[in-house]
Amino acid sequence: MVAARVLSLRALPGGVIRARDLPEREREVLPRGQLLELPRGPRSAATTAAVQIVLAAQREGDPAAWIQPEGGTLYPPDVAATGVDLAGLLVVHVPRTAGRPGLPKAAEIILRSGAFGAVVIDVDGYGVPSGGAWLGRLGSLAREHECRCVFLAGAARGSLGPLISLRVRAERRRVRSGRFVLDSEILKDKSGAHPKLLGPTLHRGPPGMP
């Protein structure tokens, strides 16, 4: 059994922005129904990129979910500072005793609900099941429910598998004290959407960032 702490959801403020009402750039950047991998590494801005995907889903009127191991690195005040409505973000902490199947199983349960526009799964340093069956199940559910399924993964291990549609390296480039630009590079694209992806966009770093 996968244990989780669930944060309540409520209507998003400010009305709903439909996908077709978004700027053309943002529509291209965020195709639905895909498995997207954001590898972490030196100067990585993978978490920032994932938060931007969550924000885009909320702007379209959909809640989002963030799945991480118990004691994960998601820091809600930083997320809220980007404009994400924490009341529209389901946060799941998977106990490490659940083993390698824990994170994918939690993601599968959430995707089956069909209620979310984006699901982020932080598997960096945690490990995933062997073989590709688990990715196949998540990919099918993402397509069925038109959800953006995003993996935060360690760069050293290589891609999670051949079923990943988009693999994108997101990096930060310091422009001045406490400010950085998010740049991205497409490492793999099987989506057929030819996305330009995230950035360059200016972001405020967390307190203490040089």
N, C-alpha and C. Protein backbone atom coordinates (compact mmCIF):
# COMPACT_ATOMS: atom_id res chain seq x y z
N MET A 1 0.85 -1.19 0.00
CA MET A 1 0.00 0.00 0.00
C MET A 1 0.89 1.24 0.00
N VAL A 2 0.49 2.25 -0.77
CA VAL A 2 1.24 3.49 -0.84
C VAL A 2 0.58 4.51 0.07
N ALA A 3 1.28 4.95 1.10
CA ALA A 3 0.74 5.96 2.01
C ALA A 3 0.97 7.33 1.41
N ALA A 4 0.08 8.25 1.70
CA ALA A 4 0.21 9.60 1.15
C ALA A 4 -0.47 10.59 2.06
N ARG A 5 0.05 11.78 2.08
CA ARG A 5 -0.64 12.90 2.70
C ARG A 5 -1.24 13.73 1.59
N VAL A 6 -2.54 13.94 1.63
CA VAL A 6 -3.25 14.62 0.55
C VAL A 6 -3.60 16.03 0.99
N LEU A 7 -3.24 17.01 0.19
CA LEU A 7 -3.63 18.39 0.43
C LEU A 7 -4.94 18.66 -0.29
N SER A 8 -5.85 19.39 0.38
CA SER A 8 -7.17 19.64 -0.19
C SER A 8 -7.06 20.49 -1.45
N LEU A 9 -8.04 20.30 -2.34
CA LEU A 9 -8.11 21.07 -3.58
C LEU A 9 -9.30 22.02 -3.50
N ARG A 10 -9.16 23.21 -4.04
CA ARG A 10 -10.30 24.12 -4.13
C ARG A 10 -10.20 24.86 -5.46
N ALA A 11 -11.26 25.56 -5.81
CA ALA A 11 -11.28 26.24 -7.11
C ALA A 11 -10.13 27.22 -7.21
N LEU A 12 -9.56 27.29 -8.39
CA LEU A 12 -8.45 28.20 -8.60
C LEU A 12 -8.96 29.62 -8.74
N PRO A 13 -8.26 30.59 -8.16
CA PRO A 13 -8.70 31.98 -8.29
C PRO A 13 -8.41 32.54 -9.67
N GLY A 14 -9.12 33.60 -10.01
CA GLY A 14 -8.77 34.34 -11.22
C GLY A 14 -9.33 33.77 -12.49
N GLY A 15 -10.21 32.77 -12.41
CA GLY A 15 -10.80 32.23 -13.61
C GLY A 15 -9.93 31.19 -14.29
N VAL A 16 -10.46 30.60 -15.35
CA VAL A 16 -9.79 29.53 -16.07
C VAL A 16 -9.29 30.04 -17.40
N ILE A 17 -8.05 29.73 -17.72
CA ILE A 17 -7.48 30.06 -19.03
C ILE A 17 -7.41 28.79 -19.84
N ARG A 18 -8.15 28.72 -20.93
CA ARG A 18 -8.15 27.51 -21.75
C ARG A 18 -6.86 27.41 -22.54
N ALA A 19 -6.51 26.18 -22.91
CA ALA A 19 -5.25 25.95 -23.62
C ALA A 19 -5.17 26.79 -24.90
N ARG A 20 -6.29 26.90 -25.61
CA ARG A 20 -6.25 27.64 -26.88
C ARG A 20 -6.10 29.14 -26.66
N ASP A 21 -6.34 29.61 -25.41
CA ASP A 21 -6.18 31.03 -25.11
C ASP A 21 -4.76 31.38 -24.69
N LEU A 22 -3.92 30.37 -24.47
CA LEU A 22 -2.54 30.62 -24.08
C LEU A 22 -1.74 31.12 -25.28
N PRO A 23 -0.65 31.85 -25.06
CA PRO A 23 0.21 32.25 -26.18
C PRO A 23 0.67 31.03 -26.95
N GLU A 24 0.87 31.20 -28.25
CA GLU A 24 1.27 30.08 -29.11
C GLU A 24 2.52 29.40 -28.57
N ARG A 25 3.47 30.18 -28.07
CA ARG A 25 4.71 29.62 -27.54
C ARG A 25 4.44 28.63 -26.42
N GLU A 26 3.51 29.00 -25.49
CA GLU A 26 3.26 28.14 -24.34
C GLU A 26 2.51 26.88 -24.75
N ARG A 27 1.63 26.98 -25.75
CA ARG A 27 0.93 25.78 -26.21
C ARG A 27 1.93 24.79 -26.79
N GLU A 28 2.87 25.27 -27.56
CA GLU A 28 3.86 24.38 -28.16
C GLU A 28 4.77 23.76 -27.12
N VAL A 29 5.07 24.53 -26.08
CA VAL A 29 6.02 24.11 -25.08
C VAL A 29 5.49 22.95 -24.25
N LEU A 30 4.20 22.86 -24.07
CA LEU A 30 3.63 21.96 -23.09
C LEU A 30 2.61 21.00 -23.70
N PRO A 31 3.03 20.09 -24.55
CA PRO A 31 2.07 19.13 -25.12
C PRO A 31 1.52 18.19 -24.06
N ARG A 32 0.25 17.87 -24.15
CA ARG A 32 -0.39 16.95 -23.21
C ARG A 32 -0.20 15.51 -23.66
N GLY A 33 -0.46 14.59 -22.72
CA GLY A 33 -0.44 13.17 -23.04
C GLY A 33 0.93 12.60 -23.31
N GLN A 34 1.98 13.22 -22.74
CA GLN A 34 3.35 12.80 -23.01
C GLN A 34 4.06 12.45 -21.72
N LEU A 35 5.08 11.60 -21.83
CA LEU A 35 6.02 11.35 -20.75
C LEU A 35 7.24 12.23 -20.97
N LEU A 36 7.50 13.13 -20.04
CA LEU A 36 8.59 14.09 -20.14
C LEU A 36 9.60 13.82 -19.03
N GLU A 37 10.87 13.76 -19.39
CA GLU A 37 11.93 13.55 -18.41
C GLU A 37 12.81 14.78 -18.32
N LEU A 38 13.03 15.25 -17.09
CA LEU A 38 13.91 16.38 -16.82
C LEU A 38 15.07 15.88 -15.96
N PRO A 39 16.22 15.58 -16.57
CA PRO A 39 17.36 15.09 -15.78
C PRO A 39 18.00 16.21 -14.98
N ARG A 40 18.40 15.88 -13.76
CA ARG A 40 19.13 16.82 -12.92
C ARG A 40 20.63 16.66 -13.16
N GLY A 41 21.37 17.73 -12.89
CA GLY A 41 22.81 17.71 -13.07
C GLY A 41 23.38 19.04 -12.64
N PRO A 42 24.66 19.31 -12.98
CA PRO A 42 25.27 20.60 -12.65
C PRO A 42 24.46 21.75 -13.25
N ARG A 43 24.23 22.78 -12.46
CA ARG A 43 23.47 23.97 -12.87
C ARG A 43 22.03 23.62 -13.26
N SER A 44 21.54 22.49 -12.75
CA SER A 44 20.21 22.04 -13.14
C SER A 44 19.12 22.98 -12.66
N ALA A 45 18.13 23.19 -13.51
CA ALA A 45 16.92 23.92 -13.16
C ALA A 45 15.71 23.03 -13.42
N ALA A 46 15.90 21.71 -13.26
CA ALA A 46 14.83 20.77 -13.55
C ALA A 46 13.61 21.00 -12.67
N THR A 47 13.83 21.28 -11.38
CA THR A 47 12.69 21.52 -10.50
C THR A 47 11.94 22.78 -10.92
N THR A 48 12.67 23.83 -11.28
CA THR A 48 12.03 25.06 -11.75
C THR A 48 11.20 24.78 -13.00
N ALA A 49 11.73 23.99 -13.92
CA ALA A 49 10.99 23.65 -15.14
C ALA A 49 9.72 22.87 -14.80
N ALA A 50 9.82 21.93 -13.86
CA ALA A 50 8.65 21.15 -13.47
C ALA A 50 7.59 22.04 -12.83
N VAL A 51 8.01 22.99 -12.03
CA VAL A 51 7.07 23.92 -11.41
C VAL A 51 6.36 24.75 -12.46
N GLN A 52 7.06 25.14 -13.52
CA GLN A 52 6.43 25.90 -14.60
C GLN A 52 5.36 25.07 -15.31
N ILE A 53 5.58 23.77 -15.43
CA ILE A 53 4.57 22.90 -16.03
C ILE A 53 3.35 22.79 -15.13
N VAL A 54 3.59 22.69 -13.82
CA VAL A 54 2.48 22.69 -12.85
C VAL A 54 1.68 23.99 -12.97
N LEU A 55 2.38 25.10 -13.06
CA LEU A 55 1.71 26.40 -13.16
C LEU A 55 0.87 26.49 -14.43
N ALA A 56 1.39 25.99 -15.54
CA ALA A 56 0.65 26.01 -16.80
C ALA A 56 -0.63 25.19 -16.69
N ALA A 57 -0.55 24.02 -16.04
CA ALA A 57 -1.74 23.19 -15.86
C ALA A 57 -2.80 23.93 -15.04
N GLN A 58 -2.37 24.61 -13.99
CA GLN A 58 -3.32 25.35 -13.16
C GLN A 58 -3.93 26.51 -13.94
N ARG A 59 -3.15 27.15 -14.78
CA ARG A 59 -3.70 28.26 -15.58
C ARG A 59 -4.78 27.76 -16.52
N GLU A 60 -4.69 26.51 -16.92
CA GLU A 60 -5.71 25.91 -17.79
C GLU A 60 -6.90 25.38 -17.00
N GLY A 61 -6.88 25.55 -15.67
CA GLY A 61 -8.00 25.14 -14.85
C GLY A 61 -7.89 23.75 -14.27
N ASP A 62 -6.72 23.11 -14.40
CA ASP A 62 -6.54 21.75 -13.90
C ASP A 62 -5.66 21.76 -12.65
N PRO A 63 -5.99 20.93 -11.66
CA PRO A 63 -5.06 20.73 -10.55
C PRO A 63 -3.86 19.91 -11.01
N ALA A 64 -2.83 19.91 -10.22
CA ALA A 64 -1.62 19.15 -10.52
C ALA A 64 -1.24 18.33 -9.30
N ALA A 65 -0.35 17.35 -9.52
CA ALA A 65 0.12 16.50 -8.43
C ALA A 65 1.63 16.43 -8.47
N TRP A 66 2.23 16.32 -7.29
CA TRP A 66 3.68 16.21 -7.15
C TRP A 66 3.95 15.01 -6.24
N ILE A 67 4.65 14.01 -6.77
CA ILE A 67 4.92 12.78 -6.04
C ILE A 67 6.42 12.70 -5.76
N GLN A 68 6.78 12.48 -4.51
CA GLN A 68 8.19 12.41 -4.15
C GLN A 68 8.37 11.44 -2.98
N PRO A 69 9.60 10.97 -2.78
CA PRO A 69 9.86 10.13 -1.61
C PRO A 69 9.62 10.91 -0.32
N GLU A 70 9.29 10.20 0.71
CA GLU A 70 9.12 10.83 2.01
C GLU A 70 10.37 11.63 2.37
N GLY A 71 10.16 12.89 2.78
CA GLY A 71 11.30 13.76 3.07
C GLY A 71 11.89 14.38 1.84
N GLY A 72 11.14 14.44 0.72
CA GLY A 72 11.63 14.99 -0.54
C GLY A 72 11.93 16.48 -0.44
N THR A 73 12.44 17.03 -1.53
CA THR A 73 13.00 18.39 -1.52
C THR A 73 12.00 19.48 -1.88
N LEU A 74 10.77 19.14 -2.23
CA LEU A 74 9.80 20.18 -2.60
C LEU A 74 9.58 21.12 -1.40
N TYR A 75 9.75 22.43 -1.64
CA TYR A 75 9.60 23.43 -0.58
C TYR A 75 8.43 24.34 -0.94
N PRO A 76 7.27 24.13 -0.31
CA PRO A 76 6.05 24.85 -0.72
C PRO A 76 6.17 26.36 -0.79
N PRO A 77 6.85 27.06 0.15
CA PRO A 77 6.93 28.53 0.01
C PRO A 77 7.59 28.97 -1.30
N ASP A 78 8.64 28.26 -1.74
CA ASP A 78 9.27 28.60 -3.01
C ASP A 78 8.33 28.36 -4.17
N VAL A 79 7.56 27.27 -4.10
CA VAL A 79 6.62 26.95 -5.18
C VAL A 79 5.53 28.01 -5.24
N ALA A 80 5.01 28.40 -4.08
CA ALA A 80 3.95 29.42 -4.05
C ALA A 80 4.46 30.76 -4.59
N ALA A 81 5.74 31.06 -4.38
CA ALA A 81 6.30 32.32 -4.85
C ALA A 81 6.31 32.42 -6.37
N THR A 82 6.24 31.30 -7.08
CA THR A 82 6.20 31.31 -8.54
C THR A 82 4.80 31.58 -9.07
N GLY A 83 3.79 31.57 -8.19
CA GLY A 83 2.42 31.75 -8.62
C GLY A 83 1.57 30.50 -8.54
N VAL A 84 2.16 29.37 -8.18
CA VAL A 84 1.40 28.13 -8.05
C VAL A 84 0.45 28.24 -6.85
N ASP A 85 -0.80 27.84 -7.04
CA ASP A 85 -1.78 27.79 -5.97
C ASP A 85 -1.61 26.46 -5.23
N LEU A 86 -1.10 26.52 -4.01
CA LEU A 86 -0.85 25.29 -3.26
C LEU A 86 -2.13 24.53 -2.97
N ALA A 87 -3.26 25.22 -2.95
CA ALA A 87 -4.53 24.53 -2.73
C ALA A 87 -4.94 23.69 -3.95
N GLY A 88 -4.31 23.96 -5.09
CA GLY A 88 -4.58 23.17 -6.29
C GLY A 88 -3.46 22.23 -6.63
N LEU A 89 -2.63 21.91 -5.62
CA LEU A 89 -1.50 21.01 -5.82
C LEU A 89 -1.59 19.85 -4.84
N LEU A 90 -1.77 18.66 -5.36
CA LEU A 90 -1.79 17.45 -4.55
C LEU A 90 -0.35 16.99 -4.32
N VAL A 91 0.08 16.89 -3.07
CA VAL A 91 1.43 16.47 -2.75
C VAL A 91 1.39 15.09 -2.09
N VAL A 92 2.14 14.16 -2.66
CA VAL A 92 2.16 12.79 -2.18
C VAL A 92 3.57 12.45 -1.72
N HIS A 93 3.70 12.02 -0.47
CA HIS A 93 4.98 11.58 0.07
C HIS A 93 4.94 10.06 0.17
N VAL A 94 5.73 9.39 -0.63
CA VAL A 94 5.74 7.92 -0.66
C VAL A 94 6.80 7.41 0.31
N PRO A 95 6.44 6.56 1.26
CA PRO A 95 7.44 6.05 2.20
C PRO A 95 8.49 5.22 1.49
N ARG A 96 9.71 5.33 1.94
CA ARG A 96 10.80 4.60 1.31
C ARG A 96 10.65 3.10 1.48
N THR A 97 9.86 2.69 2.46
CA THR A 97 9.61 1.26 2.64
C THR A 97 8.78 0.68 1.49
N ALA A 98 8.17 1.55 0.67
CA ALA A 98 7.39 1.06 -0.48
C ALA A 98 8.30 0.51 -1.57
N GLY A 99 9.61 0.81 -1.50
CA GLY A 99 10.55 0.27 -2.47
C GLY A 99 10.43 0.93 -3.83
N ARG A 100 11.09 0.33 -4.82
CA ARG A 100 11.11 0.92 -6.17
C ARG A 100 9.74 1.05 -6.82
N PRO A 101 8.79 0.14 -6.56
CA PRO A 101 7.47 0.31 -7.20
C PRO A 101 6.64 1.43 -6.60
N GLY A 102 7.08 2.00 -5.46
CA GLY A 102 6.23 2.93 -4.74
C GLY A 102 5.85 4.18 -5.52
N LEU A 103 6.83 4.87 -6.08
CA LEU A 103 6.54 6.11 -6.81
C LEU A 103 5.70 5.86 -8.06
N PRO A 104 6.08 4.88 -8.92
CA PRO A 104 5.23 4.62 -10.09
C PRO A 104 3.81 4.20 -9.72
N LYS A 105 3.66 3.44 -8.64
CA LYS A 105 2.32 3.01 -8.24
C LYS A 105 1.48 4.19 -7.82
N ALA A 106 2.07 5.11 -7.06
CA ALA A 106 1.33 6.31 -6.67
C ALA A 106 0.93 7.11 -7.90
N ALA A 107 1.85 7.24 -8.87
CA ALA A 107 1.54 7.98 -10.09
C ALA A 107 0.42 7.30 -10.87
N GLU A 108 0.43 5.98 -10.91
CA GLU A 108 -0.61 5.25 -11.64
C GLU A 108 -1.99 5.50 -11.03
N ILE A 109 -2.06 5.47 -9.70
CA ILE A 109 -3.33 5.72 -9.02
C ILE A 109 -3.86 7.12 -9.34
N ILE A 110 -2.96 8.10 -9.30
CA ILE A 110 -3.36 9.49 -9.56
C ILE A 110 -3.77 9.68 -11.01
N LEU A 111 -3.00 9.12 -11.95
CA LEU A 111 -3.34 9.27 -13.36
C LEU A 111 -4.67 8.61 -13.69
N ARG A 112 -4.97 7.49 -13.07
CA ARG A 112 -6.23 6.79 -13.35
C ARG A 112 -7.45 7.64 -12.98
N SER A 113 -7.28 8.59 -12.06
CA SER A 113 -8.41 9.44 -11.68
C SER A 113 -8.84 10.35 -12.83
N GLY A 114 -7.90 10.68 -13.73
CA GLY A 114 -8.22 11.58 -14.83
C GLY A 114 -8.48 13.01 -14.40
N ALA A 115 -8.09 13.36 -13.17
CA ALA A 115 -8.44 14.66 -12.62
C ALA A 115 -7.34 15.70 -12.73
N PHE A 116 -6.15 15.32 -13.25
CA PHE A 116 -5.00 16.20 -13.15
C PHE A 116 -4.44 16.55 -14.53
N GLY A 117 -4.02 17.81 -14.65
CA GLY A 117 -3.42 18.26 -15.90
C GLY A 117 -1.94 18.01 -15.96
N ALA A 118 -1.29 17.83 -14.80
CA ALA A 118 0.15 17.55 -14.74
C ALA A 118 0.43 16.72 -13.50
N VAL A 119 1.30 15.73 -13.67
CA VAL A 119 1.76 14.91 -12.55
C VAL A 119 3.27 14.86 -12.61
N VAL A 120 3.94 15.33 -11.56
CA VAL A 120 5.39 15.33 -11.47
C VAL A 120 5.81 14.21 -10.52
N ILE A 121 6.76 13.38 -10.96
CA ILE A 121 7.26 12.27 -10.15
C ILE A 121 8.76 12.44 -9.97
N ASP A 122 9.20 12.66 -8.74
CA ASP A 122 10.62 12.86 -8.45
C ASP A 122 11.25 11.51 -8.12
N VAL A 123 11.93 10.91 -9.09
CA VAL A 123 12.57 9.61 -8.90
C VAL A 123 14.08 9.74 -8.75
N ASP A 124 14.58 10.97 -8.67
CA ASP A 124 16.01 11.19 -8.59
C ASP A 124 16.57 10.59 -7.30
N GLY A 125 17.50 9.65 -7.45
CA GLY A 125 18.13 9.03 -6.31
C GLY A 125 17.29 7.98 -5.61
N TYR A 126 16.14 7.66 -6.17
CA TYR A 126 15.22 6.73 -5.51
C TYR A 126 15.20 5.36 -6.17
N GLY A 127 15.35 5.33 -7.47
CA GLY A 127 15.28 4.06 -8.18
C GLY A 127 13.88 3.78 -8.68
N VAL A 128 13.80 3.05 -9.78
CA VAL A 128 12.52 2.70 -10.39
C VAL A 128 12.53 1.21 -10.71
N PRO A 129 11.37 0.60 -10.97
CA PRO A 129 11.34 -0.83 -11.30
C PRO A 129 12.14 -1.13 -12.56
N SER A 130 12.66 -2.33 -12.66
CA SER A 130 13.36 -2.75 -13.87
C SER A 130 12.34 -3.00 -14.98
N GLY A 131 12.82 -2.95 -16.23
CA GLY A 131 11.93 -3.13 -17.36
C GLY A 131 11.14 -1.88 -17.67
N GLY A 132 10.35 -1.94 -18.72
CA GLY A 132 9.61 -0.76 -19.16
C GLY A 132 8.12 -0.83 -19.00
N ALA A 133 7.60 -1.91 -18.38
CA ALA A 133 6.15 -2.06 -18.26
C ALA A 133 5.52 -0.92 -17.48
N TRP A 134 6.20 -0.47 -16.44
CA TRP A 134 5.63 0.60 -15.62
C TRP A 134 5.53 1.90 -16.41
N LEU A 135 6.53 2.17 -17.26
CA LEU A 135 6.46 3.36 -18.11
C LEU A 135 5.34 3.23 -19.14
N GLY A 136 5.13 2.03 -19.65
CA GLY A 136 4.06 1.80 -20.61
C GLY A 136 2.69 2.09 -20.00
N ARG A 137 2.49 1.65 -18.75
CA ARG A 137 1.21 1.91 -18.09
C ARG A 137 1.01 3.41 -17.86
N LEU A 138 2.04 4.09 -17.39
CA LEU A 138 1.90 5.52 -17.15
C LEU A 138 1.71 6.29 -18.44
N GLY A 139 2.42 5.87 -19.51
CA GLY A 139 2.26 6.55 -20.79
C GLY A 139 0.85 6.39 -21.34
N SER A 140 0.30 5.20 -21.22
CA SER A 140 -1.07 4.97 -21.71
C SER A 140 -2.08 5.82 -20.95
N LEU A 141 -1.90 5.92 -19.62
CA LEU A 141 -2.82 6.72 -18.81
C LEU A 141 -2.65 8.20 -19.11
N ALA A 142 -1.43 8.65 -19.33
CA ALA A 142 -1.21 10.05 -19.67
C ALA A 142 -1.90 10.42 -20.97
N ARG A 143 -1.80 9.53 -21.98
CA ARG A 143 -2.47 9.80 -23.25
C ARG A 143 -3.99 9.76 -23.09
N GLU A 144 -4.48 8.78 -22.35
CA GLU A 144 -5.93 8.63 -22.19
C GLU A 144 -6.55 9.87 -21.54
N HIS A 145 -5.86 10.42 -20.56
CA HIS A 145 -6.42 11.53 -19.79
C HIS A 145 -5.79 12.88 -20.15
N GLU A 146 -4.97 12.90 -21.22
CA GLU A 146 -4.35 14.14 -21.71
C GLU A 146 -3.62 14.87 -20.59
N CYS A 147 -2.79 14.13 -19.89
CA CYS A 147 -2.05 14.66 -18.75
C CYS A 147 -0.57 14.76 -19.10
N ARG A 148 0.10 15.78 -18.60
CA ARG A 148 1.55 15.90 -18.72
C ARG A 148 2.19 15.14 -17.56
N CYS A 149 2.91 14.11 -17.85
CA CYS A 149 3.54 13.26 -16.84
C CYS A 149 5.04 13.54 -16.86
N VAL A 150 5.55 14.13 -15.79
CA VAL A 150 6.91 14.67 -15.76
C VAL A 150 7.74 13.91 -14.74
N PHE A 151 8.92 13.44 -15.16
CA PHE A 151 9.85 12.76 -14.26
C PHE A 151 11.05 13.64 -13.98
N LEU A 152 11.38 13.81 -12.71
CA LEU A 152 12.65 14.40 -12.30
C LEU A 152 13.60 13.25 -12.02
N ALA A 153 14.68 13.17 -12.76
CA ALA A 153 15.56 12.00 -12.68
C ALA A 153 17.01 12.43 -12.61
N GLY A 154 17.87 11.54 -12.13
CA GLY A 154 19.30 11.81 -12.09
C GLY A 154 19.92 11.71 -13.46
N ALA A 155 20.78 12.64 -13.80
CA ALA A 155 21.38 12.66 -15.13
C ALA A 155 22.36 11.51 -15.32
N ALA A 156 22.97 11.04 -14.24
CA ALA A 156 24.04 10.05 -14.37
C ALA A 156 23.55 8.70 -14.87
N ARG A 157 22.28 8.39 -14.62
CA ARG A 157 21.78 7.07 -14.98
C ARG A 157 21.34 6.97 -16.44
N GLY A 158 21.29 8.07 -17.15
CA GLY A 158 20.77 8.05 -18.51
C GLY A 158 19.26 8.10 -18.50
N SER A 159 18.67 7.96 -19.67
CA SER A 159 17.22 8.07 -19.78
C SER A 159 16.51 6.94 -19.04
N LEU A 160 15.30 7.24 -18.56
CA LEU A 160 14.51 6.23 -17.87
C LEU A 160 14.08 5.10 -18.79
N GLY A 161 13.99 5.36 -20.09
CA GLY A 161 13.59 4.30 -21.01
C GLY A 161 13.16 4.83 -22.35
N PRO A 162 12.97 3.92 -23.33
CA PRO A 162 12.62 4.35 -24.69
C PRO A 162 11.22 4.91 -24.82
N LEU A 163 10.37 4.72 -23.82
CA LEU A 163 9.00 5.22 -23.91
C LEU A 163 8.88 6.69 -23.50
N ILE A 164 9.98 7.27 -23.04
CA ILE A 164 9.97 8.70 -22.74
C ILE A 164 9.84 9.48 -24.05
N SER A 165 8.84 10.34 -24.15
CA SER A 165 8.61 11.10 -25.38
C SER A 165 9.56 12.28 -25.51
N LEU A 166 9.77 12.98 -24.40
CA LEU A 166 10.60 14.18 -24.40
C LEU A 166 11.60 14.10 -23.26
N ARG A 167 12.87 14.32 -23.57
CA ARG A 167 13.90 14.42 -22.54
C ARG A 167 14.57 15.77 -22.71
N VAL A 168 14.51 16.57 -21.67
CA VAL A 168 14.92 17.96 -21.77
C VAL A 168 15.87 18.30 -20.64
N ARG A 169 17.00 18.91 -20.99
CA ARG A 169 17.92 19.40 -19.98
C ARG A 169 17.59 20.87 -19.72
N ALA A 170 17.19 21.17 -18.47
CA ALA A 170 16.89 22.54 -18.05
C ALA A 170 18.00 23.01 -17.13
N GLU A 171 18.58 24.16 -17.45
CA GLU A 171 19.70 24.68 -16.68
C GLU A 171 19.47 26.13 -16.31
N ARG A 172 20.11 26.55 -15.21
CA ARG A 172 20.02 27.95 -14.79
C ARG A 172 21.27 28.69 -15.21
N ARG A 173 21.08 29.93 -15.59
CA ARG A 173 22.18 30.81 -15.97
C ARG A 173 22.05 32.10 -15.16
N ARG A 174 22.99 32.33 -14.27
CA ARG A 174 22.93 33.49 -13.39
C ARG A 174 23.09 34.78 -14.19
N VAL A 175 22.21 35.73 -13.91
CA VAL A 175 22.29 37.01 -14.60
C VAL A 175 22.64 38.14 -13.63
N ARG A 176 22.23 38.00 -12.37
CA ARG A 176 22.63 38.93 -11.32
C ARG A 176 22.30 38.29 -9.99
N SER A 177 22.64 38.94 -8.91
CA SER A 177 22.44 38.36 -7.59
C SER A 177 20.97 38.00 -7.36
N GLY A 178 20.73 36.73 -7.05
CA GLY A 178 19.38 36.29 -6.76
C GLY A 178 18.49 36.10 -7.96
N ARG A 179 19.02 36.25 -9.17
CA ARG A 179 18.23 36.10 -10.38
C ARG A 179 18.94 35.13 -11.33
N PHE A 180 18.16 34.30 -12.00
CA PHE A 180 18.74 33.41 -12.99
C PHE A 180 17.77 33.22 -14.14
N VAL A 181 18.33 32.87 -15.29
CA VAL A 181 17.53 32.57 -16.48
C VAL A 181 17.45 31.06 -16.64
N LEU A 182 16.24 30.58 -16.93
CA LEU A 182 16.03 29.17 -17.22
C LEU A 182 16.22 28.93 -18.72
N ASP A 183 17.21 28.13 -19.06
CA ASP A 183 17.44 27.72 -20.44
C ASP A 183 17.14 26.22 -20.56
N SER A 184 16.83 25.77 -21.75
CA SER A 184 16.57 24.35 -21.94
C SER A 184 17.12 23.85 -23.27
N GLU A 185 17.40 22.58 -23.30
CA GLU A 185 17.91 21.92 -24.51
C GLU A 185 17.20 20.58 -24.66
N ILE A 186 16.66 20.34 -25.84
CA ILE A 186 15.98 19.08 -26.11
C ILE A 186 17.02 18.00 -26.37
N LEU A 187 17.02 16.97 -25.54
CA LEU A 187 17.94 15.85 -25.70
C LEU A 187 17.31 14.72 -26.50
N LYS A 188 15.98 14.66 -26.48
CA LYS A 188 15.26 13.59 -27.17
C LYS A 188 13.83 14.06 -27.41
N ASP A 189 13.32 13.82 -28.62
CA ASP A 189 11.96 14.25 -28.94
C ASP A 189 11.29 13.19 -29.82
N LYS A 190 10.38 12.44 -29.23
CA LYS A 190 9.56 11.48 -29.97
C LYS A 190 8.09 11.90 -29.93
N SER A 191 7.84 13.14 -29.50
CA SER A 191 6.46 13.58 -29.29
C SER A 191 5.74 13.92 -30.58
N GLY A 192 6.50 14.33 -31.60
CA GLY A 192 5.87 14.78 -32.83
C GLY A 192 5.35 16.21 -32.73
N ALA A 193 5.53 16.85 -31.56
CA ALA A 193 5.01 18.20 -31.35
C ALA A 193 6.04 19.27 -31.67
N HIS A 194 7.31 18.89 -31.82
CA HIS A 194 8.40 19.82 -32.09
C HIS A 194 8.39 21.00 -31.11
N PRO A 195 8.40 20.72 -29.82
CA PRO A 195 8.30 21.82 -28.84
C PRO A 195 9.58 22.64 -28.76
N LYS A 196 9.42 23.92 -28.45
CA LYS A 196 10.57 24.78 -28.17
C LYS A 196 10.97 24.68 -26.70
N LEU A 197 10.02 24.26 -25.91
CA LEU A 197 10.22 24.03 -24.49
C LEU A 197 10.50 25.27 -23.69
N LEU A 198 10.96 25.06 -22.48
CA LEU A 198 10.94 26.12 -21.48
C LEU A 198 12.13 27.05 -21.60
N GLY A 199 11.87 28.34 -21.46
CA GLY A 199 12.93 29.33 -21.45
C GLY A 199 13.22 29.89 -22.84
N PRO A 200 14.09 30.92 -22.87
CA PRO A 200 14.69 31.51 -21.67
C PRO A 200 13.70 32.40 -20.91
N THR A 201 13.58 32.18 -19.61
CA THR A 201 12.71 32.97 -18.75
C THR A 201 13.48 33.35 -17.50
N LEU A 202 13.17 34.52 -16.96
CA LEU A 202 13.88 35.03 -15.79
C LEU A 202 13.17 34.58 -14.52
N HIS A 203 13.94 34.14 -13.53
CA HIS A 203 13.37 33.65 -12.28
C HIS A 203 14.12 34.23 -11.09
N ARG A 204 13.40 34.32 -9.97
CA ARG A 204 14.01 34.74 -8.71
C ARG A 204 14.48 33.50 -7.97
N GLY A 205 15.72 33.49 -7.52
CA GLY A 205 16.25 32.36 -6.77
C GLY A 205 15.75 32.36 -5.34
N PRO A 206 15.90 31.24 -4.64
CA PRO A 206 15.50 31.18 -3.23
C PRO A 206 16.39 32.07 -2.38
N PRO A 207 15.93 32.43 -1.18
CA PRO A 207 16.76 33.26 -0.29
C PRO A 207 18.14 32.63 -0.08
N GLY A 208 19.18 33.47 -0.18
CA GLY A 208 20.53 32.98 0.00
C GLY A 208 21.24 32.62 -1.28
N MET A 209 20.49 32.59 -2.39
CA MET A 209 21.12 32.27 -3.66
C MET A 209 22.02 33.43 -4.09
N PRO A 210 23.31 33.18 -4.42
CA PRO A 210 24.21 34.28 -4.80
C PRO A 210 23.81 34.91 -6.13
